[in-house]
Structures are given as structure tokens and as C-alpha cells.
Amino acid sequence: MIRILIIEDDRHITEGLQYLLENEGFYVETAYTEEKGREAVENGDFHLLLLDVTLPDGNGFDFFRWMQTKKEIPVIFLTALDEEKDIVKGFDLGADEYITKPFRPRELISRIRNVIRHAGIEPEERKELVIGNVRINREQGVVYKDNKKIELTALEYKVLLLFFENKGRILTRTQILANIWDESENFVNDNTLTVYIKRLREKIEDKPNEPKIIKTVRGMGYQIGV
């Protein structure tokens, strides 16, 4: 899953962006200040930054200069500053895109995918994913527990694979629902997701009522790990 960090002080815009991007299958984290943005970059692993220029404790141009000394992450400036000098400055610093507000959602998604494609940063897929005594063989599309094959439905497999691909991260139910669908290509509803997670726990957990792999994070979603 492509991981995107949004650094934007307008919470209304940030929440709208997060909802839009998660529904497109991206993993999203947010920061409302330059300070929090720096903490996120230093502690996280992101494929792309959406960066505002005007921040309450600094500005995006300075943040970009600082980030270039730490990590190489593609950046899209997303800002209300639409004067030519600001746009030129953004590109001169090395930005991959400069988009002015207000923006059109579908165009933004297209530009994000274009930056990702040209940067060649699609995550590599490992042949096997392992957590505890459970492993997924991607090539075979098979799940094993204690080296014994587990029978899963197509949708159960999709949910479990999504979880394993995001080991250690907290996934909201919205993020999960945005990434799965049933065999008829219909999106799964919230109640159905609850049923599938219950079934998965019964199949992969040693103690389904005390899960160690698919953990519930109250008020947030699920975290995968041991």
C-alpha cells in the first residue's frame, strides 16, 4: 500500500483529503504543523508527501529543504499560493508537482498516481509474508498456520493479505473497506467486514477471543502484529 503523509494546517481540507485518498486505496497519515511533519518524516516511511506552503509554525519551502537532507521522498506542493514566483520556487527546489487550491479531486488523484509511477516507488511484493505462526504465500495464494494449509474464502484472503501487508500499522475500518470487494466486484459493507474478521480470527488465532495477530484498537480500527 502506498503511504502518503499530508502536512496541512486546515483540518477541514486535511480530513477531506484523507477520506479521498483512503477511498482510493492509499494509506494516509496527517500532520498539522511543520514540527509534527518533521516528527512524522523522521519516524515514518512514506512514498509521497502532500505539502502545504503556509504552515502555522513555518513554511513548506523550508520544510522541503530540511527534508532533502534527511530522506528522498517525492513531494507535491498543495497550496493556495498561486503566484508565478511561488510556483517557480517550488519546482526549483525539486518538487514533483505544484497544485493550487481549490483543486479538483479526480485531477489530484491522477497527478498523485503520475508522480508515483514516474518515481518508480511501487512497493516491492515479497513472496511470503509471515506473522507469528501464520504465513501467506503470495505466488500460491495460500495461507498456512503451523505449516498446515488454512482454507479461506477469496474475500477472507484479501482481508488477511491487506492486514499482513500493513504489519504494525493501525488500519481504520474505512481504509480496510476501501481496499476490498467481494467476488462480484461489489464493495463490502461494515457489518460484513465484522463477520469476516471474526472468521479470520477463528482460523488463524490460537485464542480467537484473545487475538495476538488481528488486534482491535478501540476507537481506531485494527493493528496487525504479534
Protein backbone atom coordinates (compact mmCIF):
# COMPACT_ATOMS: atom_id res chain seq x y z
CA MET A 1 0.00 0.00 0.00
CA ILE A 2 1.34 3.42 -0.96
CA ARG A 3 1.87 5.53 2.17
CA ILE A 4 1.18 9.27 1.94
CA LEU A 5 1.86 11.99 4.50
CA ILE A 6 -0.30 15.12 4.37
CA ILE A 7 1.18 18.23 6.02
CA GLU A 8 -1.61 20.80 6.06
CA ASP A 9 -2.91 23.09 8.83
CA ASP A 10 -6.51 23.31 7.60
CA ARG A 11 -8.23 20.39 9.31
CA HIS A 12 -11.25 20.53 7.00
CA ILE A 13 -9.05 20.17 3.93
CA THR A 14 -6.91 17.50 5.62
CA GLU A 15 -9.87 15.36 6.62
CA GLY A 16 -11.36 15.64 3.14
CA LEU A 17 -8.04 14.68 1.55
CA GLN A 18 -7.59 11.76 3.91
CA TYR A 19 -11.05 10.42 3.13
CA LEU A 20 -10.49 10.85 -0.62
CA LEU A 21 -7.09 9.14 -0.62
CA GLU A 22 -8.10 6.28 1.66
CA ASN A 23 -11.03 5.53 -0.61
CA GLU A 24 -8.51 5.28 -3.45
CA GLY A 25 -6.57 2.65 -1.53
CA PHE A 26 -3.75 4.77 -0.10
CA TYR A 27 -2.52 4.66 3.49
CA VAL A 28 -2.60 8.20 4.91
CA GLU A 29 -1.09 9.97 7.90
CA THR A 30 -1.54 13.64 8.69
CA ALA A 31 0.35 16.46 10.40
CA TYR A 32 -1.00 19.96 11.05
CA THR A 33 2.29 21.74 11.81
CA GLU A 34 5.85 21.77 10.49
CA GLU A 35 7.05 20.33 13.80
CA LYS A 36 4.68 17.36 13.62
CA GLY A 37 5.57 16.93 9.97
CA ARG A 38 9.25 16.62 10.85
CA GLU A 39 8.48 14.04 13.53
CA ALA A 40 6.41 12.04 11.05
CA VAL A 41 9.14 12.08 8.39
CA GLU A 42 11.86 11.08 10.85
CA ASN A 43 9.82 8.26 12.39
CA GLY A 44 7.82 7.05 9.40
CA ASP A 45 8.31 5.53 5.98
CA PHE A 46 6.38 7.37 3.26
CA HIS A 47 6.24 7.13 -0.51
CA LEU A 48 4.85 10.64 -1.06
CA LEU A 49 4.25 13.96 0.73
CA LEU A 50 1.39 16.38 0.10
CA LEU A 51 2.79 19.61 1.50
CA ASP A 52 1.17 22.99 2.14
CA VAL A 53 3.41 26.04 1.88
CA THR A 54 1.78 28.12 4.62
CA LEU A 55 2.05 26.39 7.99
CA PRO A 56 1.35 27.85 11.46
CA ASP A 57 4.92 27.35 12.68
CA GLY A 58 6.87 27.66 9.43
CA ASN A 59 6.51 27.17 5.71
CA GLY A 60 6.58 24.30 3.30
CA PHE A 61 9.56 25.55 1.32
CA ASP A 62 11.78 25.49 4.42
CA PHE A 63 10.35 22.09 5.37
CA PHE A 64 11.21 20.75 1.92
CA ARG A 65 14.80 21.98 2.20
CA TRP A 66 15.12 20.29 5.60
CA MET A 67 13.59 17.05 4.35
CA GLN A 68 16.03 16.84 1.44
CA THR A 69 18.84 16.46 3.99
CA LYS A 70 17.04 13.52 5.62
CA LYS A 71 15.20 11.42 3.04
CA GLU A 72 14.36 11.29 -0.64
CA ILE A 73 10.57 11.44 -0.79
CA PRO A 74 8.59 12.78 -3.76
CA VAL A 75 6.70 15.96 -2.87
CA ILE A 76 3.57 17.57 -4.23
CA PHE A 77 3.02 21.13 -3.03
CA LEU A 78 -0.69 21.65 -2.42
CA THR A 79 -1.23 25.31 -1.61
CA ALA A 80 -3.29 28.45 -2.10
CA LEU A 81 -0.16 30.35 -3.20
CA ASP A 82 -0.72 30.63 -6.94
CA GLU A 83 1.67 33.41 -7.95
CA GLU A 84 4.22 32.52 -10.58
CA LYS A 85 7.17 33.22 -8.28
CA ASP A 86 5.89 30.70 -5.74
CA ILE A 87 5.22 28.03 -8.35
CA VAL A 88 8.68 28.53 -9.86
CA LYS A 89 10.25 28.40 -6.40
CA GLY A 90 8.55 25.11 -5.66
CA PHE A 91 9.78 23.48 -8.84
CA ASP A 92 13.26 24.99 -8.46
CA LEU A 93 13.51 23.33 -5.04
CA GLY A 94 12.79 20.00 -6.70
CA ALA A 95 9.06 19.45 -6.17
CA ASP A 96 7.45 16.77 -8.33
CA GLU A 97 4.20 18.72 -8.65
CA TYR A 98 2.72 22.07 -7.60
CA ILE A 99 -1.07 22.14 -7.31
CA THR A 100 -3.01 25.22 -6.27
CA LYS A 101 -6.20 25.32 -4.23
CA PRO A 102 -9.01 24.88 -4.88
CA PHE A 103 -8.18 21.64 -6.66
CA ARG A 104 -10.32 19.06 -8.43
CA PRO A 105 -10.26 15.72 -6.55
CA ARG A 106 -10.01 13.44 -9.59
CA GLU A 107 -7.25 15.54 -11.07
CA LEU A 108 -5.34 15.38 -7.79
CA ILE A 109 -5.60 11.59 -7.70
CA SER A 110 -4.39 11.42 -11.30
CA ARG A 111 -1.40 13.64 -10.53
CA ILE A 112 -0.55 11.60 -7.42
CA ARG A 113 -0.58 8.37 -9.41
CA ASN A 114 1.52 10.00 -12.10
CA VAL A 115 4.18 11.07 -9.57
CA ILE A 116 4.19 7.59 -8.04
CA ARG A 117 4.55 5.98 -11.45
CA HIS A 118 7.38 8.23 -12.62
CA ALA A 119 9.22 7.90 -9.31
CA GLY A 120 9.12 4.11 -9.60
CA ILE A 121 8.15 3.73 -5.97
CA GLU A 122 5.57 0.99 -6.13
CA PRO A 123 6.34 -1.22 -3.09
CA GLU A 124 8.05 -4.49 -3.91
CA GLU A 125 5.99 -7.56 -3.18
CA ARG A 126 7.64 -10.26 -1.12
CA LYS A 127 6.94 -13.88 -1.98
CA GLU A 128 5.90 -14.66 1.58
CA LEU A 129 4.56 -12.61 4.48
CA VAL A 130 4.93 -14.04 7.98
CA ILE A 131 3.48 -13.02 11.33
CA GLY A 132 3.93 -15.42 14.25
CA ASN A 133 2.96 -18.93 13.18
CA VAL A 134 0.94 -17.74 10.18
CA ARG A 135 2.37 -17.15 6.70
CA ILE A 136 0.95 -16.14 3.34
CA ASN A 137 2.48 -17.41 0.12
CA ARG A 138 1.61 -14.76 -2.48
CA GLU A 139 2.52 -16.83 -5.51
CA GLN A 140 0.30 -19.70 -4.45
CA GLY A 141 -2.37 -17.53 -2.84
CA VAL A 142 -2.29 -19.88 0.13
CA VAL A 143 -2.21 -19.30 3.91
CA TYR A 144 -0.51 -21.62 6.37
CA LYS A 145 -0.71 -21.88 10.15
CA ASP A 146 1.96 -24.01 11.80
CA ASN A 147 2.85 -25.14 8.25
CA LYS A 148 -0.66 -26.50 7.71
CA LYS A 149 -2.80 -25.04 4.94
CA ILE A 150 -5.79 -22.98 6.04
CA GLU A 151 -8.89 -22.87 3.86
CA LEU A 152 -10.00 -19.27 3.27
CA THR A 153 -12.62 -17.74 1.03
CA ALA A 154 -11.44 -15.27 -1.62
CA LEU A 155 -12.56 -12.31 0.48
CA GLU A 156 -11.05 -13.67 3.68
CA TYR A 157 -7.75 -13.99 1.81
CA LYS A 158 -7.97 -10.38 0.55
CA VAL A 159 -8.61 -9.05 4.04
CA LEU A 160 -5.81 -11.10 5.60
CA LEU A 161 -3.35 -10.11 2.84
CA LEU A 162 -4.19 -6.44 3.39
CA PHE A 163 -3.53 -6.88 7.11
CA PHE A 164 -0.20 -8.65 6.59
CA GLU A 165 0.96 -6.03 4.10
CA ASN A 166 0.47 -3.43 6.82
CA LYS A 167 2.04 -5.22 9.77
CA GLY A 168 2.36 -2.96 12.82
CA ARG A 169 0.15 -0.23 11.39
CA ILE A 170 -3.31 0.72 12.56
CA LEU A 171 -5.88 0.35 9.79
CA THR A 172 -9.24 2.02 10.16
CA ARG A 173 -12.35 0.21 9.04
CA THR A 174 -12.71 2.84 6.30
CA GLN A 175 -9.24 2.01 4.98
CA ILE A 176 -9.99 -1.71 5.01
CA LEU A 177 -13.34 -1.30 3.26
CA ALA A 178 -11.76 0.90 0.61
CA ASN A 179 -9.38 -1.91 -0.34
CA ILE A 180 -11.63 -4.96 -0.53
CA TRP A 181 -14.61 -6.14 -2.51
CA ASP A 182 -16.44 -9.42 -2.96
CA GLU A 183 -16.22 -11.86 -5.86
CA SER A 184 -18.92 -9.95 -7.76
CA GLU A 185 -16.81 -6.76 -7.51
CA ASN A 186 -19.25 -5.26 -5.02
CA PHE A 187 -17.89 -3.27 -2.11
CA VAL A 188 -18.24 -4.93 1.28
CA ASN A 189 -20.31 -3.20 3.94
CA ASP A 190 -19.29 -2.54 7.53
CA ASN A 191 -21.35 -5.34 9.07
CA THR A 192 -19.97 -7.91 6.63
CA LEU A 193 -16.42 -6.82 7.48
CA THR A 194 -17.08 -7.58 11.15
CA VAL A 195 -18.17 -11.10 10.23
CA TYR A 196 -15.08 -11.73 8.11
CA ILE A 197 -12.69 -10.51 10.78
CA LYS A 198 -14.40 -12.82 13.29
CA ARG A 199 -13.98 -15.76 10.89
CA LEU A 200 -10.35 -14.93 10.24
CA ARG A 201 -9.61 -14.83 13.95
CA GLU A 202 -11.23 -18.23 14.37
CA LYS A 203 -8.96 -19.63 11.67
CA ILE A 204 -5.58 -18.04 12.42
CA GLU A 205 -5.54 -17.10 16.10
CA ASP A 206 -4.53 -19.61 18.78
CA LYS A 207 -7.12 -17.98 21.04
CA PRO A 208 -9.72 -16.14 18.90
CA ASN A 209 -11.14 -14.33 21.95
CA GLU A 210 -7.64 -13.09 22.84
CA PRO A 211 -6.23 -12.25 19.40
CA LYS A 212 -2.49 -11.70 19.04
CA ILE A 213 -2.37 -11.12 15.28
CA ILE A 214 -5.52 -9.16 14.41
CA LYS A 215 -5.78 -6.79 17.36
CA THR A 216 -8.60 -4.33 17.93
CA VAL A 217 -7.54 -0.76 18.69
CA ARG A 218 -10.56 0.74 20.38
CA GLY A 219 -11.97 3.75 18.61
CA MET A 220 -9.49 3.46 15.74
CA GLY A 221 -9.54 0.12 13.95
CA TYR A 222 -7.17 -2.83 13.84
CA GLN A 223 -3.43 -3.30 14.28
CA ILE A 224 -1.64 -6.29 12.88
CA GLY A 225 1.32 -7.81 14.69
CA VAL A 226 2.43 -10.10 17.47
